Amino acid sequence: MTDKQRIFCDEYIRCNNQTEAYLIAYPHTKNRNTAGVLANQLRKHKEIASYIKEQTEKISNGRIADAQELLERLTAMIRGELEEETVVWVRGEPTTMKTKIKIREQQKAIEMLGKYHRLFTEKIELSGTFSQVEIIDDV
């Protein structure tokens, strides 16, 4: 991999815009459309694609929750298995105590999990006759 290709990869990882990354790595390119096409071709190279994938995995390194983790957390909220720390005043002193999450937060988790499983989709009934569609190409 050349130095310019490495710069392209690093910039792409940083900004997540292949055209911008290409323009930074190859400043002699003036046309944005050309830069976009060339960047797309560059990203298809095996070595470049694997480098971008490796570096992206190193960066994320478990810091970003995946879908399974989100679903597990929402389920734990719904079941009341999570606690939160609350500050209360005891004899004029602030003290923290653990309390179950509020019903409002459980309801929000139920709503989010229901949307994920498409349990709350609206059903729309359509009736009528269907006529033939005519496409006019007058370009």
C-alpha atoms as a PDB file:
ATOM      1  CA  MET A   1       0.000   0.000   0.000  1.00  0.00           C
ATOM      2  CA  THR A   2       1.355   3.412  -0.938  1.00  0.00           C
ATOM      3  CA  ASP A   3       1.577   6.370   1.427  1.00  0.00           C
ATOM      4  CA  LYS A   4      -1.250   8.157  -0.403  1.00  0.00           C
ATOM      5  CA  GLN A   5      -3.463   5.088  -0.185  1.00  0.00           C
ATOM      6  CA  ARG A   6      -2.793   4.875   3.559  1.00  0.00           C
ATOM      7  CA  ILE A   7      -3.666   8.576   3.914  1.00  0.00           C
ATOM      8  CA  PHE A   8      -6.870   7.912   1.970  1.00  0.00           C
ATOM      9  CA  CYS A   9      -7.766   5.016   4.276  1.00  0.00           C
ATOM     10  CA  ASP A  10      -7.027   6.948   7.462  1.00  0.00           C
ATOM     11  CA  GLU A  11      -9.007   9.977   6.286  1.00  0.00           C
ATOM     12  CA  TYR A  12     -11.902   7.774   5.194  1.00  0.00           C
ATOM     13  CA  ILE A  13     -12.002   6.151   8.626  1.00  0.00           C
ATOM     14  CA  ARG A  14     -11.871   9.596  10.258  1.00  0.00           C
ATOM     15  CA  CYS A  15     -14.579  11.349   8.220  1.00  0.00           C
ATOM     16  CA  ASN A  16     -16.503   8.405   6.689  1.00  0.00           C
ATOM     17  CA  ASN A  17     -16.661  10.231   3.348  1.00  0.00           C
ATOM     18  CA  GLN A  18     -14.693   8.600   0.555  1.00  0.00           C
ATOM     19  CA  THR A  19     -14.741  11.655  -1.737  1.00  0.00           C
ATOM     20  CA  GLU A  20     -13.360  13.961   0.967  1.00  0.00           C
ATOM     21  CA  ALA A  21     -10.754  11.370   1.911  1.00  0.00           C
ATOM     22  CA  TYR A  22      -9.646  11.062  -1.712  1.00  0.00           C
ATOM     23  CA  LEU A  23      -9.367  14.841  -2.123  1.00  0.00           C
ATOM     24  CA  ILE A  24      -7.154  15.018   0.983  1.00  0.00           C
ATOM     25  CA  ALA A  25      -4.933  12.117  -0.097  1.00  0.00           C
ATOM     26  CA  TYR A  26      -4.758  13.230  -3.736  1.00  0.00           C
ATOM     27  CA  PRO A  27      -4.993  17.059  -3.662  1.00  0.00           C
ATOM     28  CA  HIS A  28      -4.190  17.344  -7.374  1.00  0.00           C
ATOM     29  CA  THR A  29      -7.710  16.052  -8.143  1.00  0.00           C
ATOM     30  CA  LYS A  30      -9.934  19.098  -8.603  1.00  0.00           C
ATOM     31  CA  ASN A  31     -13.234  17.570  -9.740  1.00  0.00           C
ATOM     32  CA  ARG A  32     -15.377  16.151  -6.896  1.00  0.00           C
ATOM     33  CA  ASN A  33     -17.187  13.747  -9.217  1.00  0.00           C
ATOM     34  CA  THR A  34     -13.906  12.320 -10.450  1.00  0.00           C
ATOM     35  CA  ALA A  35     -12.672  12.039  -6.875  1.00  0.00           C
ATOM     36  CA  GLY A  36     -15.828  10.131  -5.914  1.00  0.00           C
ATOM     37  CA  VAL A  37     -15.458   7.648  -8.761  1.00  0.00           C
ATOM     38  CA  LEU A  38     -11.753   7.104  -8.104  1.00  0.00           C
ATOM     39  CA  ALA A  39     -12.337   6.744  -4.370  1.00  0.00           C
ATOM     40  CA  ASN A  40     -14.984   4.117  -5.027  1.00  0.00           C
ATOM     41  CA  GLN A  41     -12.565   2.183  -7.226  1.00  0.00           C
ATOM     42  CA  LEU A  42      -9.825   2.531  -4.624  1.00  0.00           C
ATOM     43  CA  ARG A  43     -12.021   1.133  -1.856  1.00  0.00           C
ATOM     44  CA  LYS A  44     -12.628  -2.019  -3.935  1.00  0.00           C
ATOM     45  CA  HIS A  45      -8.955  -3.001  -3.755  1.00  0.00           C
ATOM     46  CA  LYS A  46      -8.532  -6.009  -1.463  1.00  0.00           C
ATOM     47  CA  GLU A  47      -5.616  -4.587   0.489  1.00  0.00           C
ATOM     48  CA  ILE A  48      -7.326  -1.241   1.078  1.00  0.00           C
ATOM     49  CA  ALA A  49     -10.662  -2.784   2.031  1.00  0.00           C
ATOM     50  CA  SER A  50      -9.007  -5.118   4.539  1.00  0.00           C
ATOM     51  CA  TYR A  51      -6.924  -2.266   6.016  1.00  0.00           C
ATOM     52  CA  ILE A  52     -10.037  -0.123   6.492  1.00  0.00           C
ATOM     53  CA  LYS A  53     -11.885  -3.044   8.064  1.00  0.00           C
ATOM     54  CA  GLU A  54      -9.011  -3.858  10.452  1.00  0.00           C
ATOM     55  CA  GLN A  55      -8.566  -0.250  11.552  1.00  0.00           C
ATOM     56  CA  THR A  56     -12.306   0.242  12.048  1.00  0.00           C
ATOM     57  CA  GLU A  57     -12.488  -2.880  14.207  1.00  0.00           C
ATOM     58  CA  LYS A  58      -9.546  -1.658  16.300  1.00  0.00           C
ATOM     59  CA  ILE A  59     -11.272   1.672  16.860  1.00  0.00           C
ATOM     60  CA  SER A  60     -14.644   0.247  17.843  1.00  0.00           C
ATOM     61  CA  ASN A  61     -13.078  -2.444  20.081  1.00  0.00           C
ATOM     62  CA  GLY A  62     -16.317  -3.088  21.912  1.00  0.00           C
ATOM     63  CA  ARG A  63     -17.138   0.557  22.620  1.00  0.00           C
ATOM     64  CA  ILE A  64     -20.209   0.453  20.396  1.00  0.00           C
ATOM     65  CA  ALA A  65     -23.153  -1.634  21.505  1.00  0.00           C
ATOM     66  CA  ASP A  66     -24.337  -4.163  18.969  1.00  0.00           C
ATOM     67  CA  ALA A  67     -27.990  -5.040  18.307  1.00  0.00           C
ATOM     68  CA  GLN A  68     -27.946  -8.030  20.659  1.00  0.00           C
ATOM     69  CA  GLU A  69     -26.663  -5.933  23.553  1.00  0.00           C
ATOM     70  CA  LEU A  70     -29.327  -3.281  22.959  1.00  0.00           C
ATOM     71  CA  LEU A  71     -32.109  -5.866  22.879  1.00  0.00           C
ATOM     72  CA  GLU A  72     -30.830  -7.489  26.077  1.00  0.00           C
ATOM     73  CA  ARG A  73     -30.675  -4.116  27.832  1.00  0.00           C
ATOM     74  CA  LEU A  74     -34.203  -3.177  26.761  1.00  0.00           C
ATOM     75  CA  THR A  75     -35.475  -6.552  27.949  1.00  0.00           C
ATOM     76  CA  ALA A  76     -33.761  -6.092  31.320  1.00  0.00           C
ATOM     77  CA  MET A  77     -35.415  -2.664  31.628  1.00  0.00           C
ATOM     78  CA  ILE A  78     -38.834  -4.101  30.857  1.00  0.00           C
ATOM     79  CA  ARG A  79     -38.400  -6.847  33.448  1.00  0.00           C
ATOM     80  CA  GLY A  80     -37.278  -4.363  36.099  1.00  0.00           C
ATOM     81  CA  GLU A  81     -33.869  -5.989  36.450  1.00  0.00           C
ATOM     82  CA  LEU A  82     -31.936  -2.716  36.214  1.00  0.00           C
ATOM     83  CA  GLU A  83     -31.388  -0.279  39.050  1.00  0.00           C
ATOM     84  CA  GLU A  84     -30.326   3.327  39.027  1.00  0.00           C
ATOM     85  CA  GLU A  85     -28.610   5.410  41.666  1.00  0.00           C
ATOM     86  CA  THR A  86     -30.695   8.163  43.201  1.00  0.00           C
ATOM     87  CA  VAL A  87     -29.443  10.903  45.497  1.00  0.00           C
ATOM     88  CA  VAL A  88     -31.544  11.331  48.641  1.00  0.00           C
ATOM     89  CA  TRP A  89     -31.039  13.582  51.627  1.00  0.00           C
ATOM     90  CA  VAL A  90     -30.759  11.823  54.978  1.00  0.00           C
ATOM     91  CA  ARG A  91     -30.358  14.088  58.025  1.00  0.00           C
ATOM     92  CA  GLY A  92     -29.056  16.893  55.846  1.00  0.00           C
ATOM     93  CA  GLU A  93     -26.479  14.715  54.077  1.00  0.00           C
ATOM     94  CA  PRO A  94     -26.673  13.587  50.441  1.00  0.00           C
ATOM     95  CA  THR A  95     -26.709   9.791  50.179  1.00  0.00           C
ATOM     96  CA  THR A  96     -27.027   7.584  47.132  1.00  0.00           C
ATOM     97  CA  MET A  97     -29.330   4.620  47.051  1.00  0.00           C
ATOM     98  CA  LYS A  98     -30.222   2.149  44.336  1.00  0.00           C
ATOM     99  CA  THR A  99     -33.803   2.120  43.102  1.00  0.00           C
ATOM    100  CA  LYS A 100     -35.619   0.240  40.375  1.00  0.00           C
ATOM    101  CA  ILE A 101     -36.082   2.168  37.150  1.00  0.00           C
ATOM    102  CA  LYS A 102     -39.271   4.163  36.816  1.00  0.00           C
ATOM    103  CA  ILE A 103     -42.386   2.822  35.111  1.00  0.00           C
ATOM    104  CA  ARG A 104     -42.121   5.599  32.513  1.00  0.00           C
ATOM    105  CA  GLU A 105     -38.687   4.278  31.484  1.00  0.00           C
ATOM    106  CA  GLN A 106     -40.008   0.701  31.370  1.00  0.00           C
ATOM    107  CA  GLN A 107     -42.862   1.838  29.126  1.00  0.00           C
ATOM    108  CA  LYS A 108     -40.399   3.545  26.780  1.00  0.00           C
ATOM    109  CA  ALA A 109     -38.338   0.326  26.625  1.00  0.00           C
ATOM    110  CA  ILE A 110     -41.520  -1.653  25.864  1.00  0.00           C
ATOM    111  CA  GLU A 111     -42.351   0.771  23.061  1.00  0.00           C
ATOM    112  CA  MET A 112     -38.856   0.585  21.567  1.00  0.00           C
ATOM    113  CA  LEU A 113     -38.713  -3.215  21.731  1.00  0.00           C
ATOM    114  CA  GLY A 114     -42.228  -3.451  20.288  1.00  0.00           C
ATOM    115  CA  LYS A 115     -41.227  -1.225  17.375  1.00  0.00           C
ATOM    116  CA  TYR A 116     -38.162  -3.388  16.776  1.00  0.00           C
ATOM    117  CA  HIS A 117     -40.350  -6.487  16.566  1.00  0.00           C
ATOM    118  CA  ARG A 118     -42.960  -4.553  14.515  1.00  0.00           C
ATOM    119  CA  LEU A 119     -45.733  -5.268  16.984  1.00  0.00           C
ATOM    120  CA  PHE A 120     -47.230  -1.798  16.758  1.00  0.00           C
ATOM    121  CA  THR A 121     -47.521  -1.357  12.995  1.00  0.00           C
ATOM    122  CA  GLU A 122     -50.584   0.356  11.643  1.00  0.00           C
ATOM    123  CA  LYS A 123     -52.787  -1.713   9.421  1.00  0.00           C
ATOM    124  CA  ILE A 124     -54.206   0.164   6.462  1.00  0.00           C
ATOM    125  CA  GLU A 125     -57.032  -1.189   4.350  1.00  0.00           C
ATOM    126  CA  LEU A 126     -57.174  -0.159   0.740  1.00  0.00           C
ATOM    127  CA  SER A 127     -60.091  -0.749  -1.539  1.00  0.00           C
ATOM    128  CA  GLY A 128     -60.888   0.290  -5.044  1.00  0.00           C
ATOM    129  CA  THR A 129     -60.124  -0.653  -8.581  1.00  0.00           C
ATOM    130  CA  PHE A 130     -56.760  -0.764 -10.197  1.00  0.00           C
ATOM    131  CA  SER A 131     -56.344   0.771 -13.614  1.00  0.00           C
ATOM    132  CA  GLN A 132     -53.410   0.247 -15.883  1.00  0.00           C
ATOM    133  CA  VAL A 133     -50.371   2.435 -15.304  1.00  0.00           C
ATOM    134  CA  GLU A 134     -49.061   4.363 -18.271  1.00  0.00           C
ATOM    135  CA  ILE A 135     -45.455   5.545 -18.234  1.00  0.00           C
ATOM    136  CA  ILE A 136     -44.646   8.409 -20.543  1.00  0.00           C
ATOM    137  CA  ASP A 137     -40.991   8.952 -21.304  1.00  0.00           C
ATOM    138  CA  ASP A 138     -40.712  12.359 -22.922  1.00  0.00           C
ATOM    139  CA  VAL A 139     -37.066  13.013 -22.268  1.00  0.00           C
END
